[in-house]
Amino acid sequence: MTAFEWVGYAAGTLTTIAFVPQVLHVWKTKRADDLHIGTLVIFTVGVALWVVYGIAVRELPVILANAVTLVLQCAIIFLKVRYGRAGR
């Protein structure tokens, strides 16, 4: 494995785990009214496209990082839809 591949895995890991606290926070508080659904959807589509790109160029760090991020983003969107109007 090259140094650049290690950089790719490190970058993917850090940018992916950045979403874990958001998922846990919304799940724990059952509040997502401060999250903008448009931003979530646009970002999620972008991440899905990164997965497609990663598959096309056969870059495992791109595929793995974005696949996990896609799952986390889908969870955030689900929680947003479920809890987005809490407290209203």
PDB file of N, CA and C in Angstrom:
ATOM      1  N   MET A   1       0.853  -1.177   0.000  1.00  0.00           N
ATOM      2  CA  MET A   1       0.000   0.000   0.000  1.00  0.00           C
ATOM      3  C   MET A   1       0.898   1.238   0.000  1.00  0.00           C
ATOM      4  N   THR A   2       0.548   2.186  -0.849  1.00  0.00           N
ATOM      5  CA  THR A   2       1.368   3.394  -0.972  1.00  0.00           C
ATOM      6  C   THR A   2       1.003   4.409   0.115  1.00  0.00           C
ATOM      7  N   ALA A   3       1.859   5.391   0.272  1.00  0.00           N
ATOM      8  CA  ALA A   3       1.603   6.459   1.246  1.00  0.00           C
ATOM      9  C   ALA A   3       0.328   7.218   0.875  1.00  0.00           C
ATOM     10  N   PHE A   4       0.094   7.405  -0.408  1.00  0.00           N
ATOM     11  CA  PHE A   4      -1.110   8.111  -0.834  1.00  0.00           C
ATOM     12  C   PHE A   4      -2.372   7.321  -0.512  1.00  0.00           C
ATOM     13  N   GLU A   5      -2.290   6.006  -0.601  1.00  0.00           N
ATOM     14  CA  GLU A   5      -3.445   5.185  -0.217  1.00  0.00           C
ATOM     15  C   GLU A   5      -3.717   5.327   1.279  1.00  0.00           C
ATOM     16  N   TRP A   6      -2.663   5.365   2.084  1.00  0.00           N
ATOM     17  CA  TRP A   6      -2.834   5.572   3.523  1.00  0.00           C
ATOM     18  C   TRP A   6      -3.479   6.925   3.796  1.00  0.00           C
ATOM     19  N   VAL A   7      -3.042   7.937   3.060  1.00  0.00           N
ATOM     20  CA  VAL A   7      -3.648   9.268   3.196  1.00  0.00           C
ATOM     21  C   VAL A   7      -5.124   9.196   2.824  1.00  0.00           C
ATOM     22  N   GLY A   8      -5.448   8.476   1.776  1.00  0.00           N
ATOM     23  CA  GLY A   8      -6.839   8.311   1.366  1.00  0.00           C
ATOM     24  C   GLY A   8      -7.677   7.633   2.432  1.00  0.00           C
ATOM     25  N   TYR A   9      -7.162   6.573   3.006  1.00  0.00           N
ATOM     26  CA  TYR A   9      -7.895   5.887   4.080  1.00  0.00           C
ATOM     27  C   TYR A   9      -8.050   6.775   5.311  1.00  0.00           C
ATOM     28  N   ALA A  10      -6.992   7.499   5.662  1.00  0.00           N
ATOM     29  CA  ALA A  10      -7.063   8.396   6.824  1.00  0.00           C
ATOM     30  C   ALA A  10      -8.079   9.511   6.581  1.00  0.00           C
ATOM     31  N   ALA A  11      -8.029  10.115   5.412  1.00  0.00           N
ATOM     32  CA  ALA A  11      -8.974  11.186   5.086  1.00  0.00           C
ATOM     33  C   ALA A  11     -10.403  10.654   5.091  1.00  0.00           C
ATOM     34  N   GLY A  12     -10.601   9.523   4.489  1.00  0.00           N
ATOM     35  CA  GLY A  12     -11.930   8.918   4.457  1.00  0.00           C
ATOM     36  C   GLY A  12     -12.446   8.577   5.838  1.00  0.00           C
ATOM     37  N   THR A  13     -11.582   8.037   6.666  1.00  0.00           N
ATOM     38  CA  THR A  13     -11.981   7.681   8.031  1.00  0.00           C
ATOM     39  C   THR A  13     -12.381   8.921   8.824  1.00  0.00           C
ATOM     40  N   LEU A  14     -11.562   9.945   8.775  1.00  0.00           N
ATOM     41  CA  LEU A  14     -11.851  11.157   9.550  1.00  0.00           C
ATOM     42  C   LEU A  14     -13.107  11.869   9.068  1.00  0.00           C
ATOM     43  N   THR A  15     -13.270  12.016   7.765  1.00  0.00           N
ATOM     44  CA  THR A  15     -14.448  12.717   7.264  1.00  0.00           C
ATOM     45  C   THR A  15     -15.718  11.891   7.464  1.00  0.00           C
ATOM     46  N   THR A  16     -15.589  10.592   7.503  1.00  0.00           N
ATOM     47  CA  THR A  16     -16.751   9.734   7.735  1.00  0.00           C
ATOM     48  C   THR A  16     -17.167   9.741   9.202  1.00  0.00           C
ATOM     49  N   ILE A  17     -16.215   9.556  10.105  1.00  0.00           N
ATOM     50  CA  ILE A  17     -16.597   9.508  11.521  1.00  0.00           C
ATOM     51  C   ILE A  17     -17.056  10.861  12.042  1.00  0.00           C
ATOM     52  N   ALA A  18     -16.814  11.912  11.269  1.00  0.00           N
ATOM     53  CA  ALA A  18     -17.302  13.237  11.670  1.00  0.00           C
ATOM     54  C   ALA A  18     -18.827  13.263  11.765  1.00  0.00           C
ATOM     55  N   PHE A  19     -19.515  12.383  11.060  1.00  0.00           N
ATOM     56  CA  PHE A  19     -20.976  12.364  11.073  1.00  0.00           C
ATOM     57  C   PHE A  19     -21.552  11.517  12.202  1.00  0.00           C
ATOM     58  N   VAL A  20     -20.761  10.685  12.833  1.00  0.00           N
ATOM     59  CA  VAL A  20     -21.255   9.827  13.907  1.00  0.00           C
ATOM     60  C   VAL A  20     -21.821  10.652  15.067  1.00  0.00           C
ATOM     61  N   PRO A  21     -21.140  11.695  15.547  1.00  0.00           N
ATOM     62  CA  PRO A  21     -21.724  12.486  16.638  1.00  0.00           C
ATOM     63  C   PRO A  21     -23.084  13.107  16.278  1.00  0.00           C
ATOM     64  N   GLN A  22     -23.251  13.511  15.016  1.00  0.00           N
ATOM     65  CA  GLN A  22     -24.526  14.099  14.594  1.00  0.00           C
ATOM     66  C   GLN A  22     -25.640  13.059  14.658  1.00  0.00           C
ATOM     67  N   VAL A  23     -25.368  11.865  14.151  1.00  0.00           N
ATOM     68  CA  VAL A  23     -26.362  10.792  14.193  1.00  0.00           C
ATOM     69  C   VAL A  23     -26.719  10.479  15.639  1.00  0.00           C
ATOM     70  N   LEU A  24     -25.728  10.324  16.487  1.00  0.00           N
ATOM     71  CA  LEU A  24     -25.980   9.989  17.891  1.00  0.00           C
ATOM     72  C   LEU A  24     -26.727  11.110  18.606  1.00  0.00           C
ATOM     73  N   HIS A  25     -26.396  12.349  18.305  1.00  0.00           N
ATOM     74  CA  HIS A  25     -27.054  13.490  18.939  1.00  0.00           C
ATOM     75  C   HIS A  25     -28.542  13.538  18.585  1.00  0.00           C
ATOM     76  N   VAL A  26     -28.846  13.398  17.301  1.00  0.00           N
ATOM     77  CA  VAL A  26     -30.252  13.439  16.884  1.00  0.00           C
ATOM     78  C   VAL A  26     -31.004  12.242  17.452  1.00  0.00           C
ATOM     79  N   TRP A  27     -30.378  11.090  17.440  1.00  0.00           N
ATOM     80  CA  TRP A  27     -31.023   9.885  17.966  1.00  0.00           C
ATOM     81  C   TRP A  27     -31.286  10.039  19.463  1.00  0.00           C
ATOM     82  N   LYS A  28     -30.328  10.558  20.199  1.00  0.00           N
ATOM     83  CA  LYS A  28     -30.455  10.705  21.647  1.00  0.00           C
ATOM     84  C   LYS A  28     -31.476  11.775  22.021  1.00  0.00           C
ATOM     85  N   THR A  29     -31.411  12.931  21.370  1.00  0.00           N
ATOM     86  CA  THR A  29     -32.298  14.043  21.735  1.00  0.00           C
ATOM     87  C   THR A  29     -33.660  13.958  21.062  1.00  0.00           C
ATOM     88  N   LYS A  30     -33.733  13.153  20.006  1.00  0.00           N
ATOM     89  CA  LYS A  30     -34.951  13.041  19.202  1.00  0.00           C
ATOM     90  C   LYS A  30     -35.390  14.397  18.665  1.00  0.00           C
ATOM     91  N   ARG A  31     -34.404  15.229  18.328  1.00  0.00           N
ATOM     92  CA  ARG A  31     -34.647  16.562  17.757  1.00  0.00           C
ATOM     93  C   ARG A  31     -33.737  16.760  16.556  1.00  0.00           C
ATOM     94  N   ALA A  32     -34.360  17.187  15.465  1.00  0.00           N
ATOM     95  CA  ALA A  32     -33.593  17.443  14.256  1.00  0.00           C
ATOM     96  C   ALA A  32     -34.118  18.676  13.530  1.00  0.00           C
ATOM     97  N   ASP A  33     -34.885  19.490  14.230  1.00  0.00           N
ATOM     98  CA  ASP A  33     -35.496  20.647  13.585  1.00  0.00           C
ATOM     99  C   ASP A  33     -34.471  21.677  13.123  1.00  0.00           C
ATOM    100  N   ASP A  34     -33.268  21.646  13.665  1.00  0.00           N
ATOM    101  CA  ASP A  34     -32.247  22.606  13.257  1.00  0.00           C
ATOM    102  C   ASP A  34     -31.410  22.124  12.071  1.00  0.00           C
ATOM    103  N   LEU A  35     -31.687  20.931  11.566  1.00  0.00           N
ATOM    104  CA  LEU A  35     -30.991  20.414  10.389  1.00  0.00           C
ATOM    105  C   LEU A  35     -31.817  20.737   9.147  1.00  0.00           C
ATOM    106  N   HIS A  36     -31.186  21.262   8.115  1.00  0.00           N
ATOM    107  CA  HIS A  36     -31.893  21.631   6.889  1.00  0.00           C
ATOM    108  C   HIS A  36     -31.958  20.430   5.948  1.00  0.00           C
ATOM    109  N   ILE A  37     -33.157  19.996   5.618  1.00  0.00           N
ATOM    110  CA  ILE A  37     -33.340  18.797   4.791  1.00  0.00           C
ATOM    111  C   ILE A  37     -32.709  18.966   3.404  1.00  0.00           C
ATOM    112  N   GLY A  38     -32.769  20.159   2.850  1.00  0.00           N
ATOM    113  CA  GLY A  38     -32.172  20.387   1.535  1.00  0.00           C
ATOM    114  C   GLY A  38     -30.680  20.127   1.536  1.00  0.00           C
ATOM    115  N   THR A  39     -30.001  20.630   2.536  1.00  0.00           N
ATOM    116  CA  THR A  39     -28.558  20.413   2.662  1.00  0.00           C
ATOM    117  C   THR A  39     -28.260  18.926   2.819  1.00  0.00           C
ATOM    118  N   LEU A  40     -29.030  18.251   3.644  1.00  0.00           N
ATOM    119  CA  LEU A  40     -28.818  16.818   3.862  1.00  0.00           C
ATOM    120  C   LEU A  40     -28.995  16.025   2.572  1.00  0.00           C
ATOM    121  N   VAL A  41     -30.045  16.334   1.830  1.00  0.00           N
ATOM    122  CA  VAL A  41     -30.318  15.599   0.594  1.00  0.00           C
ATOM    123  C   VAL A  41     -29.246  15.876  -0.459  1.00  0.00           C
ATOM    124  N   ILE A  42     -28.886  17.128  -0.648  1.00  0.00           N
ATOM    125  CA  ILE A  42     -27.858  17.470  -1.638  1.00  0.00           C
ATOM    126  C   ILE A  42     -26.536  16.784  -1.295  1.00  0.00           C
ATOM    127  N   PHE A  43     -26.155  16.839  -0.025  1.00  0.00           N
ATOM    128  CA  PHE A  43     -24.901  16.204   0.388  1.00  0.00           C
ATOM    129  C   PHE A  43     -24.973  14.695   0.176  1.00  0.00           C
ATOM    130  N   THR A  44     -26.096  14.087   0.487  1.00  0.00           N
ATOM    131  CA  THR A  44     -26.261  12.646   0.348  1.00  0.00           C
ATOM    132  C   THR A  44     -26.172  12.222  -1.114  1.00  0.00           C
ATOM    133  N   VAL A  45     -26.781  12.976  -2.006  1.00  0.00           N
ATOM    134  CA  VAL A  45     -26.663  12.674  -3.438  1.00  0.00           C
ATOM    135  C   VAL A  45     -25.203  12.799  -3.878  1.00  0.00           C
ATOM    136  N   GLY A  46     -24.520  13.818  -3.401  1.00  0.00           N
ATOM    137  CA  GLY A  46     -23.101  13.975  -3.720  1.00  0.00           C
ATOM    138  C   GLY A  46     -22.281  12.797  -3.240  1.00  0.00           C
ATOM    139  N   VAL A  47     -22.548  12.326  -2.047  1.00  0.00           N
ATOM    140  CA  VAL A  47     -21.817  11.173  -1.499  1.00  0.00           C
ATOM    141  C   VAL A  47     -22.119   9.919  -2.323  1.00  0.00           C
ATOM    142  N   ALA A  48     -23.369   9.745  -2.726  1.00  0.00           N
ATOM    143  CA  ALA A  48     -23.727   8.597  -3.566  1.00  0.00           C
ATOM    144  C   ALA A  48     -22.957   8.650  -4.885  1.00  0.00           C
ATOM    145  N   LEU A  49     -22.818   9.843  -5.439  1.00  0.00           N
ATOM    146  CA  LEU A  49     -22.044   9.988  -6.675  1.00  0.00           C
ATOM    147  C   LEU A  49     -20.565   9.672  -6.458  1.00  0.00           C
ATOM    148  N   TRP A  50     -20.031  10.013  -5.282  1.00  0.00           N
ATOM    149  CA  TRP A  50     -18.646   9.656  -4.967  1.00  0.00           C
ATOM    150  C   TRP A  50     -18.482   8.140  -4.912  1.00  0.00           C
ATOM    151  N   VAL A  51     -19.498   7.436  -4.406  1.00  0.00           N
ATOM    152  CA  VAL A  51     -19.436   5.965  -4.387  1.00  0.00           C
ATOM    153  C   VAL A  51     -19.380   5.440  -5.816  1.00  0.00           C
ATOM    154  N   VAL A  52     -20.239   5.966  -6.673  1.00  0.00           N
ATOM    155  CA  VAL A  52     -20.243   5.553  -8.080  1.00  0.00           C
ATOM    156  C   VAL A  52     -18.885   5.843  -8.718  1.00  0.00           C
ATOM    157  N   TYR A  53     -18.360   7.029  -8.468  1.00  0.00           N
ATOM    158  CA  TYR A  53     -17.049   7.397  -9.002  1.00  0.00           C
ATOM    159  C   TYR A  53     -15.965   6.443  -8.491  1.00  0.00           C
ATOM    160  N   GLY A  54     -15.978   6.173  -7.195  1.00  0.00           N
ATOM    161  CA  GLY A  54     -14.988   5.268  -6.616  1.00  0.00           C
ATOM    162  C   GLY A  54     -15.030   3.887  -7.242  1.00  0.00           C
ATOM    163  N   ILE A  55     -16.240   3.414  -7.506  1.00  0.00           N
ATOM    164  CA  ILE A  55     -16.380   2.111  -8.176  1.00  0.00           C
ATOM    165  C   ILE A  55     -15.822   2.196  -9.590  1.00  0.00           C
ATOM    166  N   ALA A  56     -16.133   3.284 -10.292  1.00  0.00           N
ATOM    167  CA  ALA A  56     -15.681   3.438 -11.678  1.00  0.00           C
ATOM    168  C   ALA A  56     -14.164   3.472 -11.788  1.00  0.00           C
ATOM    169  N   VAL A  57     -13.504   4.135 -10.837  1.00  0.00           N
ATOM    170  CA  VAL A  57     -12.036   4.237 -10.901  1.00  0.00           C
ATOM    171  C   VAL A  57     -11.350   3.182 -10.035  1.00  0.00           C
ATOM    172  N   ARG A  58     -12.160   2.346  -9.404  1.00  0.00           N
ATOM    173  CA  ARG A  58     -11.646   1.239  -8.586  1.00  0.00           C
ATOM    174  C   ARG A  58     -10.709   1.704  -7.485  1.00  0.00           C
ATOM    175  N   GLU A  59     -11.181   2.692  -6.738  1.00  0.00           N
ATOM    176  CA  GLU A  59     -10.407   3.227  -5.609  1.00  0.00           C
ATOM    177  C   GLU A  59     -11.106   2.867  -4.309  1.00  0.00           C
ATOM    178  N   LEU A  60     -10.587   1.848  -3.648  1.00  0.00           N
ATOM    179  CA  LEU A  60     -11.216   1.339  -2.437  1.00  0.00           C
ATOM    180  C   LEU A  60     -11.376   2.392  -1.340  1.00  0.00           C
ATOM    181  N   PRO A  61     -10.382   3.275  -1.098  1.00  0.00           N
ATOM    182  CA  PRO A  61     -10.588   4.289  -0.055  1.00  0.00           C
ATOM    183  C   PRO A  61     -11.792   5.195  -0.354  1.00  0.00           C
ATOM    184  N   VAL A  62     -11.981   5.545  -1.608  1.00  0.00           N
ATOM    185  CA  VAL A  62     -13.115   6.401  -1.990  1.00  0.00           C
ATOM    186  C   VAL A  62     -14.426   5.635  -1.810  1.00  0.00           C
ATOM    187  N   ILE A  63     -14.441   4.387  -2.227  1.00  0.00           N
ATOM    188  CA  ILE A  63     -15.650   3.571  -2.113  1.00  0.00           C
ATOM    189  C   ILE A  63     -16.040   3.366  -0.661  1.00  0.00           C
ATOM    190  N   LEU A  64     -15.097   2.912   0.152  1.00  0.00           N
ATOM    191  CA  LEU A  64     -15.402   2.594   1.554  1.00  0.00           C
ATOM    192  C   LEU A  64     -15.837   3.822   2.346  1.00  0.00           C
ATOM    193  N   ALA A  65     -15.067   4.878   2.250  1.00  0.00           N
ATOM    194  CA  ALA A  65     -15.382   6.074   3.028  1.00  0.00           C
ATOM    195  C   ALA A  65     -16.744   6.630   2.655  1.00  0.00           C
ATOM    196  N   ASN A  66     -17.011   6.700   1.386  1.00  0.00           N
ATOM    197  CA  ASN A  66     -18.277   7.287   0.962  1.00  0.00           C
ATOM    198  C   ASN A  66     -19.456   6.353   1.165  1.00  0.00           C
ATOM    199  N   ALA A  67     -19.239   5.049   1.100  1.00  0.00           N
ATOM    200  CA  ALA A  67     -20.324   4.106   1.379  1.00  0.00           C
ATOM    201  C   ALA A  67     -20.761   4.217   2.844  1.00  0.00           C
ATOM    202  N   VAL A  68     -19.795   4.301   3.742  1.00  0.00           N
ATOM    203  CA  VAL A  68     -20.138   4.451   5.166  1.00  0.00           C
ATOM    204  C   VAL A  68     -20.783   5.813   5.412  1.00  0.00           C
ATOM    205  N   THR A  69     -20.244   6.861   4.799  1.00  0.00           N
ATOM    206  CA  THR A  69     -20.838   8.187   4.932  1.00  0.00           C
ATOM    207  C   THR A  69     -22.261   8.189   4.395  1.00  0.00           C
ATOM    208  N   LEU A  70     -22.508   7.485   3.309  1.00  0.00           N
ATOM    209  CA  LEU A  70     -23.846   7.403   2.734  1.00  0.00           C
ATOM    210  C   LEU A  70     -24.828   6.766   3.718  1.00  0.00           C
ATOM    211  N   VAL A  71     -24.393   5.715   4.379  1.00  0.00           N
ATOM    212  CA  VAL A  71     -25.252   5.071   5.387  1.00  0.00           C
ATOM    213  C   VAL A  71     -25.550   6.045   6.526  1.00  0.00           C
ATOM    214  N   LEU A  72     -24.515   6.744   7.007  1.00  0.00           N
ATOM    215  CA  LEU A  72     -24.718   7.706   8.093  1.00  0.00           C
ATOM    216  C   LEU A  72     -25.640   8.840   7.666  1.00  0.00           C
ATOM    217  N   GLN A  73     -25.458   9.347   6.452  1.00  0.00           N
ATOM    218  CA  GLN A  73     -26.313  10.429   5.962  1.00  0.00           C
ATOM    219  C   GLN A  73     -27.751   9.972   5.805  1.00  0.00           C
ATOM    220  N   CYS A  74     -27.952   8.745   5.333  1.00  0.00           N
ATOM    221  CA  CYS A  74     -29.313   8.213   5.226  1.00  0.00           C
ATOM    222  C   CYS A  74     -29.942   8.100   6.615  1.00  0.00           C
ATOM    223  N   ALA A  75     -29.151   7.721   7.604  1.00  0.00           N
ATOM    224  CA  ALA A  75     -29.658   7.666   8.971  1.00  0.00           C
ATOM    225  C   ALA A  75     -30.048   9.056   9.459  1.00  0.00           C
ATOM    226  N   ILE A  76     -29.236  10.046   9.152  1.00  0.00           N
ATOM    227  CA  ILE A  76     -29.545  11.417   9.560  1.00  0.00           C
ATOM    228  C   ILE A  76     -30.826  11.892   8.886  1.00  0.00           C
ATOM    229  N   ILE A  77     -30.983  11.599   7.598  1.00  0.00           N
ATOM    230  CA  ILE A  77     -32.205  12.002   6.899  1.00  0.00           C
ATOM    231  C   ILE A  77     -33.418  11.294   7.497  1.00  0.00           C
ATOM    232  N   PHE A  78     -33.291  10.014   7.775  1.00  0.00           N
ATOM    233  CA  PHE A  78     -34.385   9.273   8.399  1.00  0.00           C
ATOM    234  C   PHE A  78     -34.761   9.909   9.741  1.00  0.00           C
ATOM    235  N   LEU A  79     -33.754  10.202  10.549  1.00  0.00           N
ATOM    236  CA  LEU A  79     -34.016  10.817  11.855  1.00  0.00           C
ATOM    237  C   LEU A  79     -34.587  12.219  11.698  1.00  0.00           C
ATOM    238  N   LYS A  80     -34.152  12.954  10.688  1.00  0.00           N
ATOM    239  CA  LYS A  80     -34.673  14.288  10.420  1.00  0.00           C
ATOM    240  C   LYS A  80     -36.173  14.206  10.105  1.00  0.00           C
ATOM    241  N   VAL A  81     -36.529  13.277   9.247  1.00  0.00           N
ATOM    242  CA  VAL A  81     -37.931  13.091   8.884  1.00  0.00           C
ATOM    243  C   VAL A  81     -38.737  12.645  10.100  1.00  0.00           C
ATOM    244  N   ARG A  82     -38.163  11.778  10.889  1.00  0.00           N
ATOM    245  CA  ARG A  82     -38.875  11.255  12.060  1.00  0.00           C
ATOM    246  C   ARG A  82     -38.992  12.275  13.183  1.00  0.00           C
ATOM    247  N   TYR A  83     -37.911  12.997  13.471  1.00  0.00           N
ATOM    248  CA  TYR A  83     -37.887  13.897  14.633  1.00  0.00           C
ATOM    249  C   TYR A  83     -37.798  15.369  14.271  1.00  0.00           C
ATOM    250  N   GLY A  84     -37.778  15.700  13.011  1.00  0.00           N
ATOM    251  CA  GLY A  84     -37.554  17.073  12.569  1.00  0.00           C
ATOM    252  C   GLY A  84     -38.530  18.093  13.112  1.00  0.00           C
ATOM    253  N   ARG A  85     -39.728  17.692  13.384  1.00  0.00           N
ATOM    254  CA  ARG A  85     -40.736  18.627  13.862  1.00  0.00           C
ATOM    255  C   ARG A  85     -40.996  18.502  15.361  1.00  0.00           C
ATOM    256  N   ALA A  86     -40.097  17.843  16.058  1.00  0.00           N
ATOM    257  CA  ALA A  86     -40.246  17.683  17.523  1.00  0.00           C
ATOM    258  C   ALA A  86     -40.273  19.040  18.197  1.00  0.00           C
ATOM    259  N   GLY A  87     -41.140  19.195  19.108  1.00  0.00           N
ATOM    260  CA  GLY A  87     -41.212  20.423  19.873  1.00  0.00           C
ATOM    261  C   GLY A  87     -42.091  21.502  19.255  1.00  0.00           C
ATOM    262  N   ARG A  88     -42.719  21.200  18.108  1.00  0.00           N
ATOM    263  CA  ARG A  88     -43.593  22.183  17.456  1.00  0.00           C
ATOM    264  C   ARG A  88     -45.017  21.935  17.805  1.00  0.00           C
TER     265      ARG A  88
END
